């Protein structure tokens, strides 16, 4: 059974504070990324990519979006994620798997925008001038993801 190691309350509180800060930084990095994508025409790349993948593979699980539904949906996601911050600061165990998933998605999102910028395309039929929309904020996603992962690992329950 996993239990938290016995540590002085001040050390545990400091670790949870850093974990909460990591969550907030990742949320704010996502918010910056959404603005970056919106300001630089991300959907002009995303939607044709989804359509091309559907044509090539026969099916693709990602939907196409109009700007309003895409932007409002992402803003709502950021607000919900930020609203979960108190649970992270308190060290709620149920939020940890969600945090790991959030980290993985944001890390690979940052990697994807970086690779898109390097290659100048998403799929063979969708080319764009560089940098890819969303690339400017990608370093923030990557740095925040790495920091968040480090904080999650430092605060993980240890087996006794």
N, C-alpha and C. Protein backbone atom coordinates (compact mmCIF):
# COMPACT_ATOMS: atom_id res chain seq x y z
N UNK A 1 0.85 -1.18 0.00
CA UNK A 1 0.00 0.00 0.00
C UNK A 1 0.89 1.24 0.00
N UNK A 2 0.59 2.19 -0.84
CA UNK A 2 1.39 3.40 -0.93
C UNK A 2 0.92 4.41 0.11
N UNK A 3 1.88 4.94 0.83
CA UNK A 3 1.59 6.00 1.81
C UNK A 3 2.63 7.08 1.64
N UNK A 4 2.29 8.27 2.08
CA UNK A 4 3.27 9.35 2.02
C UNK A 4 4.34 9.12 3.07
N UNK A 5 5.56 9.42 2.71
CA UNK A 5 6.65 9.30 3.66
C UNK A 5 6.45 10.31 4.78
N UNK A 6 6.94 9.99 5.96
CA UNK A 6 6.83 10.91 7.08
C UNK A 6 7.85 12.03 6.87
N UNK A 7 7.34 13.22 6.64
CA UNK A 7 8.19 14.39 6.46
C UNK A 7 7.63 15.50 7.31
N UNK A 8 8.49 16.42 7.73
CA UNK A 8 7.99 17.54 8.53
C UNK A 8 6.90 18.30 7.76
N UNK A 9 5.86 18.77 8.46
CA UNK A 9 4.76 19.47 7.79
C UNK A 9 5.22 20.64 6.93
N UNK A 10 6.24 21.37 7.36
CA UNK A 10 6.69 22.52 6.58
C UNK A 10 7.30 22.08 5.25
N UNK A 11 8.00 20.94 5.23
CA UNK A 11 8.58 20.42 3.99
C UNK A 11 7.47 19.93 3.07
N UNK A 12 6.50 19.20 3.63
CA UNK A 12 5.39 18.71 2.83
C UNK A 12 4.58 19.87 2.26
N UNK A 13 4.35 20.90 3.06
CA UNK A 13 3.60 22.07 2.60
C UNK A 13 4.35 22.78 1.48
N UNK A 14 5.67 22.88 1.61
CA UNK A 14 6.49 23.51 0.57
C UNK A 14 6.44 22.70 -0.72
N UNK A 15 6.49 21.38 -0.61
CA UNK A 15 6.42 20.52 -1.79
C UNK A 15 5.07 20.64 -2.49
N UNK A 16 4.00 20.68 -1.71
CA UNK A 16 2.67 20.82 -2.29
C UNK A 16 2.50 22.20 -2.92
N UNK A 17 3.11 23.21 -2.32
CA UNK A 17 3.05 24.55 -2.90
C UNK A 17 3.72 24.56 -4.27
N UNK A 18 4.90 23.94 -4.35
CA UNK A 18 5.60 23.85 -5.64
C UNK A 18 4.79 23.06 -6.66
N UNK A 19 4.12 22.01 -6.21
CA UNK A 19 3.28 21.21 -7.10
C UNK A 19 2.11 22.05 -7.62
N UNK A 20 1.49 22.80 -6.74
CA UNK A 20 0.40 23.68 -7.15
C UNK A 20 0.86 24.75 -8.11
N UNK A 21 2.03 25.32 -7.85
CA UNK A 21 2.59 26.34 -8.75
C UNK A 21 2.86 25.72 -10.12
N UNK A 22 3.35 24.48 -10.14
CA UNK A 22 3.62 23.80 -11.41
C UNK A 22 2.32 23.62 -12.20
N UNK A 23 1.24 23.27 -11.52
CA UNK A 23 -0.06 23.12 -12.16
C UNK A 23 -0.52 24.45 -12.77
N UNK A 24 -0.43 25.50 -11.98
CA UNK A 24 -0.87 26.82 -12.45
C UNK A 24 0.00 27.27 -13.63
N UNK A 25 1.30 27.05 -13.55
CA UNK A 25 2.18 27.42 -14.67
C UNK A 25 1.82 26.66 -15.94
N UNK A 26 1.50 25.39 -15.80
CA UNK A 26 1.11 24.60 -16.98
C UNK A 26 -0.22 25.11 -17.55
N UNK A 27 -1.15 25.45 -16.67
CA UNK A 27 -2.43 26.03 -17.13
C UNK A 27 -2.21 27.35 -17.84
N UNK A 28 -1.37 28.21 -17.28
CA UNK A 28 -1.10 29.51 -17.90
C UNK A 28 -0.33 29.34 -19.21
N UNK A 29 0.54 28.35 -19.28
CA UNK A 29 1.24 28.06 -20.54
C UNK A 29 0.24 27.62 -21.61
N UNK A 30 -0.73 26.82 -21.21
CA UNK A 30 -1.78 26.42 -22.14
C UNK A 30 -2.59 27.63 -22.59
N UNK A 31 -2.93 28.52 -21.67
CA UNK A 31 -3.68 29.73 -22.02
C UNK A 31 -2.89 30.57 -23.03
N UNK A 32 -1.60 30.75 -22.78
CA UNK A 32 -0.74 31.48 -23.72
C UNK A 32 -0.72 30.79 -25.08
N UNK A 33 -0.66 29.47 -25.06
CA UNK A 33 -0.62 28.69 -26.29
C UNK A 33 -1.91 28.85 -27.09
N UNK A 34 -3.03 28.87 -26.41
CA UNK A 34 -4.32 29.06 -27.08
C UNK A 34 -4.35 30.43 -27.76
N UNK A 35 -3.88 31.45 -27.07
CA UNK A 35 -3.84 32.80 -27.65
C UNK A 35 -2.89 32.82 -28.85
N UNK A 36 -1.74 32.19 -28.72
CA UNK A 36 -0.76 32.10 -29.81
C UNK A 36 -1.39 31.44 -31.03
N UNK A 37 -2.05 30.30 -30.81
CA UNK A 37 -2.69 29.61 -31.93
C UNK A 37 -3.80 30.46 -32.56
N UNK A 38 -4.61 31.06 -31.72
CA UNK A 38 -5.73 31.87 -32.23
C UNK A 38 -5.23 33.06 -33.02
N UNK A 39 -4.19 33.70 -32.53
CA UNK A 39 -3.67 34.91 -33.19
C UNK A 39 -2.94 34.59 -34.49
N UNK A 40 -2.50 33.35 -34.65
CA UNK A 40 -1.68 33.01 -35.81
C UNK A 40 -2.33 32.01 -36.77
N UNK A 41 -3.63 31.83 -36.66
CA UNK A 41 -4.36 31.03 -37.65
C UNK A 41 -4.16 29.53 -37.57
N UNK A 42 -4.11 28.99 -36.36
CA UNK A 42 -3.88 27.57 -36.19
C UNK A 42 -4.92 26.70 -36.91
N UNK A 43 -6.18 27.11 -36.89
CA UNK A 43 -7.21 26.27 -37.51
C UNK A 43 -7.04 26.15 -39.01
N UNK A 44 -6.34 27.09 -39.64
CA UNK A 44 -6.07 26.99 -41.08
C UNK A 44 -5.08 25.84 -41.38
N UNK A 45 -4.39 25.38 -40.36
CA UNK A 45 -3.49 24.23 -40.48
C UNK A 45 -4.17 22.98 -39.93
N UNK A 46 -4.80 23.12 -38.76
CA UNK A 46 -5.40 21.98 -38.08
C UNK A 46 -6.52 21.32 -38.90
N UNK A 47 -7.51 22.10 -39.32
CA UNK A 47 -8.65 21.52 -40.03
C UNK A 47 -8.25 20.78 -41.32
N UNK A 48 -7.42 21.36 -42.19
CA UNK A 48 -6.99 20.61 -43.37
C UNK A 48 -6.18 19.35 -43.02
N UNK A 49 -5.45 19.40 -41.92
CA UNK A 49 -4.70 18.22 -41.48
C UNK A 49 -5.66 17.09 -41.09
N UNK A 50 -6.68 17.42 -40.31
CA UNK A 50 -7.67 16.42 -39.91
C UNK A 50 -8.37 15.83 -41.14
N UNK A 51 -8.76 16.68 -42.07
CA UNK A 51 -9.43 16.21 -43.29
C UNK A 51 -8.51 15.30 -44.10
N UNK A 52 -7.25 15.68 -44.24
CA UNK A 52 -6.29 14.86 -44.98
C UNK A 52 -6.08 13.51 -44.31
N UNK A 53 -6.01 13.49 -42.99
CA UNK A 53 -5.83 12.22 -42.27
C UNK A 53 -7.06 11.33 -42.41
N UNK A 54 -8.25 11.92 -42.40
CA UNK A 54 -9.48 11.14 -42.61
C UNK A 54 -9.49 10.51 -44.00
N UNK A 55 -9.09 11.31 -45.00
CA UNK A 55 -9.06 10.79 -46.37
C UNK A 55 -8.04 9.67 -46.52
N UNK A 56 -6.90 9.84 -45.88
CA UNK A 56 -5.83 8.85 -46.02
C UNK A 56 -6.11 7.58 -45.21
N UNK A 57 -6.61 7.74 -43.99
CA UNK A 57 -6.79 6.60 -43.10
C UNK A 57 -8.21 6.04 -43.07
N UNK A 58 -9.14 6.75 -43.67
CA UNK A 58 -10.52 6.31 -43.65
C UNK A 58 -11.30 6.80 -42.45
N UNK A 59 -10.62 7.06 -41.36
CA UNK A 59 -11.24 7.59 -40.13
C UNK A 59 -10.16 8.27 -39.32
N UNK A 60 -10.56 9.28 -38.59
CA UNK A 60 -9.63 9.98 -37.70
C UNK A 60 -10.45 10.52 -36.55
N UNK A 61 -10.03 10.30 -35.30
CA UNK A 61 -10.89 10.64 -34.15
C UNK A 61 -11.00 12.13 -33.83
N UNK A 62 -10.18 12.96 -34.42
CA UNK A 62 -10.21 14.38 -34.09
C UNK A 62 -11.23 15.11 -34.97
N UNK A 63 -12.02 16.00 -34.38
CA UNK A 63 -13.02 16.75 -35.16
C UNK A 63 -12.40 17.98 -35.82
N UNK A 64 -13.10 18.54 -36.78
CA UNK A 64 -12.75 19.86 -37.30
C UNK A 64 -13.55 20.88 -36.49
N UNK A 65 -13.08 22.11 -36.46
CA UNK A 65 -13.71 23.14 -35.64
C UNK A 65 -13.89 24.43 -36.40
N UNK A 66 -14.94 25.18 -36.03
CA UNK A 66 -15.05 26.58 -36.37
C UNK A 66 -14.29 27.35 -35.30
N UNK A 67 -13.90 28.58 -35.59
CA UNK A 67 -13.08 29.32 -34.64
C UNK A 67 -13.76 29.50 -33.29
N UNK A 68 -15.02 29.92 -33.28
CA UNK A 68 -15.69 30.22 -32.02
C UNK A 68 -15.79 29.00 -31.12
N UNK A 69 -16.25 27.87 -31.66
CA UNK A 69 -16.39 26.67 -30.83
C UNK A 69 -15.03 26.19 -30.33
N UNK A 70 -14.01 26.28 -31.16
CA UNK A 70 -12.67 25.87 -30.77
C UNK A 70 -12.14 26.77 -29.65
N UNK A 71 -12.23 28.07 -29.86
CA UNK A 71 -11.67 29.02 -28.89
C UNK A 71 -12.43 28.97 -27.56
N UNK A 72 -13.75 28.99 -27.62
CA UNK A 72 -14.55 28.94 -26.39
C UNK A 72 -14.30 27.62 -25.65
N UNK A 73 -14.20 26.53 -26.38
CA UNK A 73 -13.92 25.24 -25.75
C UNK A 73 -12.59 25.22 -25.03
N UNK A 74 -11.57 25.77 -25.66
CA UNK A 74 -10.26 25.79 -25.02
C UNK A 74 -10.21 26.76 -23.84
N UNK A 75 -10.87 27.89 -23.97
CA UNK A 75 -10.92 28.83 -22.83
C UNK A 75 -11.64 28.16 -21.66
N UNK A 76 -12.74 27.46 -21.93
CA UNK A 76 -13.46 26.75 -20.87
C UNK A 76 -12.57 25.68 -20.24
N UNK A 77 -11.80 24.97 -21.05
CA UNK A 77 -10.89 23.95 -20.52
C UNK A 77 -9.85 24.57 -19.60
N UNK A 78 -9.28 25.70 -20.01
CA UNK A 78 -8.28 26.39 -19.18
C UNK A 78 -8.91 26.84 -17.86
N UNK A 79 -10.11 27.40 -17.93
CA UNK A 79 -10.80 27.86 -16.71
C UNK A 79 -11.06 26.67 -15.78
N UNK A 80 -11.53 25.55 -16.32
CA UNK A 80 -11.77 24.36 -15.49
C UNK A 80 -10.48 23.83 -14.87
N UNK A 81 -9.43 23.81 -15.65
CA UNK A 81 -8.15 23.35 -15.13
C UNK A 81 -7.65 24.27 -14.01
N UNK A 82 -7.77 25.57 -14.23
CA UNK A 82 -7.36 26.51 -13.17
C UNK A 82 -8.25 26.37 -11.93
N UNK A 83 -9.53 26.07 -12.13
CA UNK A 83 -10.44 25.88 -11.00
C UNK A 83 -10.07 24.66 -10.16
N UNK A 84 -9.36 23.72 -10.76
CA UNK A 84 -8.91 22.53 -10.03
C UNK A 84 -7.64 22.79 -9.22
N UNK A 85 -7.06 23.95 -9.35
CA UNK A 85 -5.81 24.28 -8.66
C UNK A 85 -5.84 24.02 -7.15
N UNK A 86 -6.90 24.39 -6.43
CA UNK A 86 -6.90 24.13 -4.98
C UNK A 86 -6.69 22.66 -4.63
N UNK A 87 -7.20 21.76 -5.47
CA UNK A 87 -7.02 20.34 -5.20
C UNK A 87 -5.55 19.93 -5.34
N UNK A 88 -4.86 20.55 -6.29
CA UNK A 88 -3.44 20.25 -6.47
C UNK A 88 -2.66 20.81 -5.29
N UNK A 89 -2.95 22.04 -4.90
CA UNK A 89 -2.25 22.65 -3.76
C UNK A 89 -2.47 21.87 -2.47
N UNK A 90 -3.63 21.20 -2.35
CA UNK A 90 -3.91 20.40 -1.15
C UNK A 90 -3.36 18.98 -1.25
N UNK A 91 -2.89 18.61 -2.44
CA UNK A 91 -2.31 17.28 -2.61
C UNK A 91 -3.34 16.18 -2.78
N UNK A 92 -4.50 16.49 -3.33
CA UNK A 92 -5.53 15.47 -3.55
C UNK A 92 -4.97 14.37 -4.46
N UNK A 93 -5.09 13.14 -4.01
CA UNK A 93 -4.51 12.02 -4.76
C UNK A 93 -5.20 11.81 -6.11
N UNK A 94 -6.50 12.05 -6.21
CA UNK A 94 -7.24 11.79 -7.44
C UNK A 94 -6.81 12.69 -8.59
N UNK A 95 -6.21 13.84 -8.28
CA UNK A 95 -5.82 14.77 -9.35
C UNK A 95 -4.49 14.36 -9.98
N UNK A 96 -3.71 13.55 -9.30
CA UNK A 96 -2.38 13.18 -9.81
C UNK A 96 -2.43 12.51 -11.19
N UNK A 97 -3.30 11.51 -11.42
CA UNK A 97 -3.34 10.91 -12.77
C UNK A 97 -3.77 11.93 -13.83
N UNK A 98 -4.70 12.80 -13.46
CA UNK A 98 -5.13 13.85 -14.39
C UNK A 98 -3.94 14.77 -14.71
N UNK A 99 -3.16 15.08 -13.70
CA UNK A 99 -1.98 15.94 -13.88
C UNK A 99 -0.98 15.27 -14.82
N UNK A 100 -0.73 13.99 -14.64
CA UNK A 100 0.20 13.27 -15.54
C UNK A 100 -0.31 13.31 -16.98
N UNK A 101 -1.60 13.06 -17.17
CA UNK A 101 -2.17 13.10 -18.53
C UNK A 101 -2.03 14.50 -19.12
N UNK A 102 -2.33 15.51 -18.33
CA UNK A 102 -2.20 16.91 -18.75
C UNK A 102 -0.76 17.21 -19.18
N UNK A 103 0.20 16.75 -18.40
CA UNK A 103 1.62 16.95 -18.72
C UNK A 103 1.97 16.29 -20.06
N UNK A 104 1.59 15.05 -20.23
CA UNK A 104 1.93 14.32 -21.46
C UNK A 104 1.33 15.02 -22.68
N UNK A 105 0.06 15.41 -22.59
CA UNK A 105 -0.59 16.08 -23.71
C UNK A 105 0.11 17.40 -24.04
N UNK A 106 0.43 18.19 -23.02
CA UNK A 106 1.06 19.50 -23.27
C UNK A 106 2.50 19.34 -23.78
N UNK A 107 3.21 18.34 -23.27
CA UNK A 107 4.58 18.10 -23.73
C UNK A 107 4.57 17.75 -25.22
N UNK A 108 3.72 16.81 -25.60
CA UNK A 108 3.68 16.40 -27.00
C UNK A 108 3.06 17.47 -27.90
N UNK A 109 2.20 18.30 -27.35
CA UNK A 109 1.68 19.44 -28.10
C UNK A 109 2.84 20.38 -28.45
N UNK A 110 3.67 20.68 -27.45
CA UNK A 110 4.84 21.53 -27.70
C UNK A 110 5.80 20.91 -28.69
N UNK A 111 6.04 19.62 -28.58
CA UNK A 111 6.92 18.90 -29.52
C UNK A 111 6.33 18.96 -30.93
N UNK A 112 5.02 18.75 -31.04
CA UNK A 112 4.36 18.76 -32.35
C UNK A 112 4.50 20.10 -33.05
N UNK A 113 4.33 21.18 -32.32
CA UNK A 113 4.48 22.51 -32.93
C UNK A 113 5.93 22.78 -33.32
N UNK A 114 6.84 22.27 -32.53
CA UNK A 114 8.25 22.43 -32.86
C UNK A 114 8.61 21.65 -34.12
N UNK A 115 8.16 20.40 -34.20
CA UNK A 115 8.43 19.59 -35.39
C UNK A 115 7.72 20.15 -36.62
N UNK A 116 6.50 20.65 -36.43
CA UNK A 116 5.79 21.28 -37.54
C UNK A 116 6.56 22.47 -38.08
N UNK A 117 7.16 23.23 -37.19
CA UNK A 117 7.97 24.38 -37.61
C UNK A 117 9.21 23.93 -38.36
N UNK A 118 9.85 22.88 -37.88
CA UNK A 118 11.06 22.37 -38.54
C UNK A 118 10.74 21.87 -39.95
N UNK A 119 9.66 21.09 -40.07
CA UNK A 119 9.33 20.47 -41.36
C UNK A 119 8.49 21.36 -42.27
N UNK A 120 7.81 22.36 -41.72
CA UNK A 120 6.99 23.25 -42.54
C UNK A 120 5.71 22.60 -43.05
N UNK A 121 5.29 21.51 -42.42
CA UNK A 121 4.06 20.83 -42.81
C UNK A 121 3.61 19.94 -41.68
N UNK A 122 2.34 19.53 -41.75
CA UNK A 122 1.82 18.54 -40.80
C UNK A 122 1.73 17.17 -41.47
N UNK A 123 1.11 17.14 -42.63
CA UNK A 123 1.04 15.95 -43.48
C UNK A 123 1.52 16.38 -44.86
N UNK A 124 1.70 15.43 -45.75
CA UNK A 124 2.30 15.75 -47.05
C UNK A 124 1.52 16.79 -47.85
N UNK A 125 0.22 16.91 -47.60
CA UNK A 125 -0.58 17.85 -48.38
C UNK A 125 -0.84 19.18 -47.69
N UNK A 126 -0.41 19.34 -46.44
CA UNK A 126 -0.66 20.57 -45.69
C UNK A 126 0.67 21.24 -45.36
N UNK A 127 1.03 22.23 -46.16
CA UNK A 127 2.26 22.99 -45.97
C UNK A 127 1.92 24.38 -45.48
N UNK A 128 2.85 25.02 -44.79
CA UNK A 128 2.64 26.37 -44.29
C UNK A 128 3.98 27.07 -44.15
N UNK A 129 3.91 28.40 -44.12
CA UNK A 129 5.14 29.16 -43.89
C UNK A 129 5.51 29.01 -42.41
N UNK A 130 6.77 29.07 -42.13
CA UNK A 130 7.24 28.88 -40.76
C UNK A 130 7.26 30.21 -40.02
N UNK A 131 7.11 30.25 -38.74
CA UNK A 131 6.86 29.12 -37.83
C UNK A 131 5.40 28.69 -37.86
N UNK A 132 5.18 27.47 -37.42
CA UNK A 132 3.82 26.93 -37.32
C UNK A 132 3.05 27.73 -36.28
N UNK A 133 1.76 28.01 -36.52
CA UNK A 133 0.97 28.67 -35.48
C UNK A 133 1.02 27.87 -34.18
N UNK A 134 1.33 28.53 -33.10
CA UNK A 134 1.48 27.87 -31.80
C UNK A 134 2.92 27.59 -31.43
N UNK A 135 3.85 27.80 -32.37
CA UNK A 135 5.26 27.51 -32.09
C UNK A 135 5.85 28.49 -31.07
N UNK A 136 5.44 29.74 -31.13
CA UNK A 136 6.04 30.76 -30.26
C UNK A 136 5.84 30.40 -28.79
N UNK A 137 4.71 29.82 -28.45
CA UNK A 137 4.44 29.46 -27.05
C UNK A 137 4.88 28.03 -26.70
N UNK A 138 5.33 27.28 -27.68
CA UNK A 138 5.74 25.89 -27.43
C UNK A 138 6.84 25.74 -26.37
N UNK A 139 7.86 26.60 -26.35
CA UNK A 139 8.86 26.46 -25.29
C UNK A 139 8.27 26.57 -23.88
N UNK A 140 7.23 27.39 -23.72
CA UNK A 140 6.58 27.50 -22.41
C UNK A 140 5.85 26.21 -22.06
N UNK A 141 5.19 25.60 -23.04
CA UNK A 141 4.54 24.31 -22.79
C UNK A 141 5.56 23.25 -22.39
N UNK A 142 6.67 23.22 -23.12
CA UNK A 142 7.70 22.21 -22.83
C UNK A 142 8.33 22.43 -21.46
N UNK A 143 8.70 23.67 -21.15
CA UNK A 143 9.33 23.96 -19.85
C UNK A 143 8.36 23.70 -18.70
N UNK A 144 7.12 24.14 -18.85
CA UNK A 144 6.14 23.93 -17.79
C UNK A 144 5.83 22.45 -17.60
N UNK A 145 5.80 21.69 -18.70
CA UNK A 145 5.55 20.25 -18.61
C UNK A 145 6.68 19.54 -17.87
N UNK A 146 7.89 19.89 -18.21
CA UNK A 146 9.05 19.26 -17.55
C UNK A 146 9.08 19.61 -16.06
N UNK A 147 8.86 20.89 -15.74
CA UNK A 147 8.84 21.31 -14.34
C UNK A 147 7.72 20.60 -13.58
N UNK A 148 6.54 20.52 -14.19
CA UNK A 148 5.41 19.86 -13.54
C UNK A 148 5.71 18.38 -13.30
N UNK A 149 6.31 17.73 -14.28
CA UNK A 149 6.66 16.32 -14.12
C UNK A 149 7.65 16.14 -12.96
N UNK A 150 8.63 17.02 -12.88
CA UNK A 150 9.60 16.95 -11.78
C UNK A 150 8.91 17.11 -10.43
N UNK A 151 7.97 18.05 -10.34
CA UNK A 151 7.28 18.27 -9.07
C UNK A 151 6.37 17.10 -8.72
N UNK A 152 5.72 16.52 -9.71
CA UNK A 152 4.90 15.34 -9.44
C UNK A 152 5.74 14.19 -8.93
N UNK A 153 6.88 13.98 -9.54
CA UNK A 153 7.77 12.90 -9.10
C UNK A 153 8.29 13.14 -7.69
N UNK A 154 8.59 14.38 -7.37
CA UNK A 154 9.10 14.71 -6.01
C UNK A 154 8.05 14.51 -4.94
N UNK A 155 6.79 14.62 -5.28
CA UNK A 155 5.73 14.52 -4.29
C UNK A 155 4.98 13.19 -4.37
N UNK A 156 5.49 12.24 -5.12
CA UNK A 156 4.77 10.97 -5.28
C UNK A 156 4.75 10.21 -3.96
N UNK A 157 3.69 9.46 -3.76
CA UNK A 157 3.63 8.60 -2.57
C UNK A 157 4.74 7.55 -2.64
N UNK A 158 5.34 7.26 -1.53
CA UNK A 158 6.40 6.25 -1.48
C UNK A 158 5.89 5.04 -0.71
N UNK A 159 6.37 3.88 -1.12
CA UNK A 159 5.98 2.63 -0.45
C UNK A 159 6.85 2.45 0.78
N UNK A 160 6.20 2.04 1.86
CA UNK A 160 6.95 1.78 3.10
C UNK A 160 6.86 0.33 3.48
